[in-house]
Protein backbone atom coordinates (compact mmCIF):
# COMPACT_ATOMS: atom_id res chain seq x y z
CA UNK A 1 -0.43 -0.02 0.00
CA UNK A 2 1.59 3.16 -0.78
CA UNK A 3 1.28 6.61 1.26
CA UNK A 4 -1.55 8.90 -0.65
CA UNK A 5 0.44 12.10 -1.98
CA UNK A 6 -1.81 15.11 -2.12
CA UNK A 7 -1.22 18.21 -5.10
CA UNK A 8 -3.55 20.88 -5.00
CA UNK A 9 -4.23 23.26 -8.10
CA UNK A 10 -6.22 26.53 -7.85
CA UNK A 11 -8.97 25.81 -10.23
CA UNK A 12 -10.58 22.81 -11.86
CA UNK A 13 -9.26 23.90 -15.14
CA UNK A 14 -5.63 23.62 -14.11
CA UNK A 15 -5.97 20.57 -12.49
CA UNK A 16 -6.87 19.01 -15.56
CA UNK A 17 -4.36 20.54 -17.54
CA UNK A 18 -1.85 19.78 -15.13
CA UNK A 19 -2.68 16.08 -14.95
CA UNK A 20 -3.00 15.69 -18.30
CA UNK A 21 0.98 17.06 -18.64
CA UNK A 22 1.84 14.25 -15.91
CA UNK A 23 -0.21 11.49 -17.91
CA UNK A 24 1.54 12.30 -21.15
CA UNK A 25 4.48 12.23 -19.27
CA UNK A 26 3.97 9.04 -17.45
CA UNK A 27 2.95 7.41 -20.44
CA UNK A 28 6.05 8.27 -22.54
CA UNK A 29 8.22 7.49 -19.68
CA UNK A 30 6.82 3.72 -19.92
CA UNK A 31 6.58 3.58 -23.56
CA UNK A 32 10.57 4.17 -23.35
CA UNK A 33 11.44 1.55 -20.74
CA UNK A 34 8.63 -1.14 -21.69
CA UNK A 35 7.75 -0.16 -25.35
CA UNK A 36 4.01 0.11 -24.60
CA UNK A 37 2.04 1.79 -21.83
CA UNK A 38 -1.18 1.11 -19.89
CA UNK A 39 -3.62 3.39 -18.81
CA UNK A 40 -7.50 2.59 -16.97
CA UNK A 41 -9.79 5.68 -18.21
CA UNK A 42 -12.45 7.21 -15.85
CA UNK A 43 -15.92 8.81 -16.75
CA UNK A 44 -17.30 12.02 -14.81
CA UNK A 45 -16.30 15.45 -15.27
CA UNK A 46 -12.85 15.12 -14.01
CA UNK A 47 -12.34 12.32 -15.89
CA UNK A 48 -13.68 13.60 -19.20
CA UNK A 49 -11.99 17.24 -18.30
CA UNK A 50 -8.34 15.32 -18.03
CA UNK A 51 -9.25 13.68 -21.61
CA UNK A 52 -10.26 16.93 -22.94
CA UNK A 53 -7.34 18.83 -21.56
CA UNK A 54 -4.96 15.83 -23.03
CA UNK A 55 -6.59 16.29 -26.78
CA UNK A 56 -5.81 20.08 -26.57
CA UNK A 57 -2.54 19.80 -24.92
CA UNK A 58 0.76 20.33 -27.85
CA UNK A 59 2.78 17.68 -26.17
CA UNK A 60 0.25 14.59 -26.91
CA UNK A 61 1.94 13.96 -30.04
CA UNK A 62 5.09 12.99 -27.72
CA UNK A 63 2.84 10.10 -27.28
CA UNK A 64 2.61 6.79 -29.85
CA UNK A 65 -0.77 6.32 -29.28
CA UNK A 66 -0.60 2.80 -31.37
CA UNK A 67 1.57 1.57 -28.21
CA UNK A 68 -0.79 2.52 -25.63
CA UNK A 69 -3.56 -0.17 -24.30
CA UNK A 70 -6.69 1.40 -22.70
CA UNK A 71 -9.10 -0.11 -20.04
CA UNK A 72 -11.82 1.29 -18.26
CA UNK A 73 -12.27 1.28 -14.70
CA UNK A 74 -16.42 1.25 -14.71
CA UNK A 75 -18.96 1.26 -17.45
CA UNK A 76 -22.95 2.36 -17.21
CA UNK A 77 -24.04 -0.68 -18.77
CA UNK A 78 -26.60 0.95 -21.53
CA UNK A 79 -26.37 0.28 -24.94
CA UNK A 80 -23.27 0.89 -27.70
CA UNK A 81 -22.88 4.53 -28.24
CA UNK A 82 -25.24 5.81 -25.67
CA UNK A 83 -24.33 9.37 -25.04
CA UNK A 84 -24.25 8.25 -21.14
CA UNK A 85 -21.47 5.31 -21.55
CA UNK A 86 -17.98 6.11 -20.58
CA UNK A 87 -16.70 5.22 -23.67
CA UNK A 88 -18.74 7.24 -25.70
CA UNK A 89 -17.63 10.39 -23.49
CA UNK A 90 -14.20 9.49 -23.91
CA UNK A 91 -14.20 8.75 -27.80
CA UNK A 92 -15.88 12.85 -28.05
CA UNK A 93 -13.34 14.05 -25.60
CA UNK A 94 -9.89 12.43 -27.08
CA UNK A 95 -10.04 8.97 -28.46
CA UNK A 96 -11.11 9.72 -31.48
CA UNK A 97 -8.60 12.66 -32.28
CA UNK A 98 -5.33 10.17 -31.98
CA UNK A 99 -4.27 6.96 -33.67
CA UNK A 100 -5.14 4.34 -31.41
CA UNK A 101 -4.47 0.36 -32.34
CA UNK A 102 -8.25 -0.79 -32.24
CA UNK A 103 -7.48 -4.22 -30.78
CA UNK A 104 -5.47 -2.45 -27.65
CA UNK A 105 -8.85 0.01 -26.76
CA UNK A 106 -10.51 -2.38 -24.32
CA UNK A 107 -13.99 -1.02 -24.18
CA UNK A 108 -16.21 -2.92 -21.31
CA UNK A 109 -19.64 -4.34 -23.02
CA UNK A 110 -22.29 -2.78 -24.04
CA UNK A 111 -26.01 -3.62 -22.97
CA UNK A 112 -26.56 -4.29 -26.84
CA UNK A 113 -24.04 -6.72 -27.12
CA UNK A 114 -23.57 -10.74 -26.67
CA UNK A 115 -24.12 -10.53 -22.91
CA UNK A 116 -27.44 -10.83 -21.47
CA UNK A 117 -26.67 -8.78 -18.28
CA UNK A 118 -24.35 -6.94 -16.03
CA UNK A 119 -22.90 -9.80 -14.22
CA UNK A 120 -22.17 -11.60 -17.25
CA UNK A 121 -20.36 -8.52 -19.07
CA UNK A 122 -18.43 -8.45 -15.92
CA UNK A 123 -17.31 -12.03 -16.22
CA UNK A 124 -16.05 -11.38 -20.16
CA UNK A 125 -13.88 -8.34 -19.20
CA UNK A 126 -12.71 -9.93 -16.35
CA UNK A 127 -11.54 -12.67 -18.45
CA UNK A 128 -10.18 -10.40 -21.06
CA UNK A 129 -8.01 -8.74 -18.28
CA UNK A 130 -6.39 -12.08 -17.27
CA UNK A 131 -5.60 -12.42 -20.98
CA UNK A 132 -3.70 -9.48 -21.27
CA UNK A 133 -2.06 -10.42 -17.52
CA UNK A 134 1.54 -11.57 -18.29
CA UNK A 135 3.84 -13.43 -16.12
CA UNK A 136 5.63 -10.76 -14.36
CA UNK A 137 2.11 -9.14 -13.18
CA UNK A 138 1.76 -11.99 -10.49
CA UNK A 139 -2.02 -11.63 -10.81
CA UNK A 140 -5.47 -11.85 -12.89
CA UNK A 141 -5.15 -8.45 -14.24
CA UNK A 142 -2.19 -6.42 -16.00
CA UNK A 143 -0.09 -3.65 -13.84
CA UNK A 144 -1.55 -0.60 -15.45
CA UNK A 145 1.32 2.41 -15.42
CA UNK A 146 -1.62 4.47 -14.58
CA UNK A 147 -4.94 4.03 -13.51
CA UNK A 148 -7.63 6.96 -13.16
CA UNK A 149 -10.49 7.47 -11.07
CA UNK A 150 -13.28 10.38 -9.89
CA UNK A 151 -14.06 10.64 -7.00
CA UNK A 152 -17.96 10.96 -6.32
CA UNK A 153 -19.47 13.11 -3.27
CA UNK A 154 -20.59 10.39 -1.76
CA UNK A 155 -16.38 8.55 -2.15
CA UNK A 156 -17.53 6.02 -4.72
CA UNK A 157 -14.85 4.80 -7.31
CA UNK A 158 -15.55 3.57 -10.42
CA UNK A 159 -18.94 1.84 -9.81
CA UNK A 160 -18.03 1.02 -6.18
CA UNK A 161 -20.39 2.88 -3.85
CA UNK A 162 -20.47 2.95 -0.08
CA UNK A 163 -21.80 -0.33 1.81
CA UNK A 164 -22.84 -1.71 -2.05
CA UNK A 165 -21.75 -5.81 -2.84
CA UNK A 166 -18.94 -4.31 -5.38
CA UNK A 167 -16.81 -2.63 -2.50
CA UNK A 168 -16.50 -5.72 -0.19
CA UNK A 169 -15.59 -8.00 -2.72
CA UNK A 170 -12.26 -9.45 -2.37
CA UNK A 171 -11.59 -12.39 -4.78
CA UNK A 172 -13.43 -11.05 -8.53
CA UNK A 173 -11.51 -8.72 -10.75
CA UNK A 174 -14.93 -7.45 -12.21
CA UNK A 175 -18.48 -7.07 -11.06
CA UNK A 176 -21.96 -6.17 -12.16
CA UNK A 177 -23.48 -3.69 -10.07
CA UNK A 178 -26.82 -3.39 -9.74
CA UNK A 179 -29.08 -0.92 -7.58
CA UNK A 180 -26.52 2.06 -7.71
CA UNK A 181 -27.64 4.76 -6.32
CA UNK A 182 -26.63 7.18 -8.97
CA UNK A 183 -28.05 6.56 -12.24
CA UNK A 184 -28.22 4.42 -14.45
CA UNK A 185 -28.52 1.67 -11.60
CA UNK A 186 -26.67 -1.10 -13.38
CA UNK A 187 -23.34 -0.71 -14.05
CA UNK A 188 -20.01 -2.96 -14.61
CA UNK A 189 -17.09 -1.96 -12.62
CA UNK A 190 -13.17 -2.91 -11.89
CA UNK A 191 -12.85 -4.35 -7.71
CA UNK A 192 -10.81 -2.76 -5.37
CA UNK A 193 -7.93 -5.95 -6.02
CA UNK A 194 -8.13 -4.86 -9.10
CA UNK A 195 -7.48 -1.28 -8.72
CA UNK A 196 -4.57 -2.04 -6.48
CA UNK A 197 -2.83 -4.17 -8.98
CA UNK A 198 -2.16 -0.84 -10.69
CA UNK A 199 1.31 0.80 -10.70
CA UNK A 200 -0.15 4.27 -9.72
CA UNK A 201 -3.26 5.48 -8.77
CA UNK A 202 -4.48 8.77 -9.53
CA UNK A 203 -8.08 10.06 -7.94
CA UNK A 204 -9.49 13.16 -9.31
CA UNK A 205 -11.63 15.67 -7.67
CA UNK A 206 -12.53 18.92 -8.35
CA UNK A 207 -15.42 21.29 -6.45
CA UNK A 208 -16.85 22.13 -3.38
CA UNK A 209 -19.41 19.43 -3.75
CA UNK A 210 -16.54 16.69 -3.21
CA UNK A 211 -14.85 18.12 0.34
CA UNK A 212 -16.34 16.48 2.18
CA UNK A 213 -15.83 13.00 0.18
CA UNK A 214 -12.02 13.56 -0.05
CA UNK A 215 -11.88 15.06 3.66
CA UNK A 216 -13.65 11.35 4.50
CA UNK A 217 -11.31 9.19 2.23
CA UNK A 218 -8.25 10.64 3.49
CA UNK A 219 -9.12 10.93 7.10
CA UNK A 220 -8.59 7.48 7.78
CA UNK A 221 -12.29 6.01 7.00
CA UNK A 222 -12.54 2.70 6.19
CA UNK A 223 -13.39 1.66 2.47
CA UNK A 224 -16.90 -0.40 2.88
CA UNK A 225 -17.82 3.44 4.11
CA UNK A 226 -15.89 5.53 1.91
CA UNK A 227 -14.44 3.54 -0.81
CA UNK A 228 -11.98 5.66 -2.37
CA UNK A 229 -10.04 5.16 0.66
CA UNK A 230 -9.41 1.57 -0.32
CA UNK A 231 -7.91 3.15 -3.79
CA UNK A 232 -4.27 3.22 -4.06
CA UNK A 233 -2.05 1.74 -6.25
CA UNK A 234 1.57 -0.49 -5.58
CA UNK A 235 4.11 2.32 -5.95
CA UNK A 236 1.98 5.43 -5.76
CA UNK A 237 -0.92 7.12 -5.23
CA UNK A 238 -1.75 10.39 -6.28
CA UNK A 239 -5.24 12.38 -5.20
CA UNK A 240 -5.16 15.58 -7.68
CA UNK A 241 -7.33 18.31 -6.53
CA UNK A 242 -8.47 22.08 -7.24
CA UNK A 243 -8.26 24.20 -4.21
CA UNK A 244 -12.20 23.53 -3.84
CA UNK A 245 -11.82 20.16 -3.40
CA UNK A 246 -9.45 20.07 -0.72
CA UNK A 247 -11.12 22.92 1.20
CA UNK A 248 -11.84 20.64 3.94
CA UNK A 249 -8.16 19.08 4.65
CA UNK A 250 -6.33 20.30 7.13
CA UNK A 251 -2.93 22.71 5.01
CA UNK A 252 -0.55 20.56 6.91
CA UNK A 253 -1.51 17.62 4.12
CA UNK A 254 -0.58 19.57 1.36
CA UNK A 255 1.61 22.38 -0.06
CA UNK A 256 0.19 25.70 -1.14
CA UNK A 257 -2.06 25.64 -4.38
CA UNK A 258 -0.13 25.94 -7.77
CA UNK A 259 -0.07 29.18 -9.28
């Protein structure tokens, strides 16, 4: 378990640009070291804001997009192309603008595909993850270079909500989610064990509505009550915040906001 590091930026726009620059550097470094890189994407306003900032960044051309594997931390179990699907939003924000290898873009199954329900879709995605894992990963999922997570106002990450069965899962890497308190109620999500396989986990939160969740998750709360508290990387856990989201943290936890 890595100790959380906290970086606070002045506002959400600066946070998105800085996170995009940080991600470009991480991808380029991984590709230089190992020939390829792997990133797990997140949806929501902060995840999509990061992707839009990455699309607009001149440095995006430093990435060899054809040698990048993309996965998703969760997905709404809706028909392909539905505007509420994380994949649809990611394509609009970035993916359609870069030269990805389609075989390396690992979308979670859609509701109108060959899987009848979210549980079957989750099992299929777990199988795909296991097939991509290498012996050196020592587990049923790849060692992702960076796994991105948005933090919800209720402290949920991916589609792991407080007290629901998904956050309690210790064996499976992907689960179907039913009765989510945030619509749509049916989803597919990585579990905490899969999230913790990542080399680095980056948690994104911006806005006053996230301040209580950030403070709770970083105050020693348990992961069942505050799933964000249970999300950490093997080598690094990075909380990327704007000043509003960090407003209820003790100032001793982080340096002054970036200019």
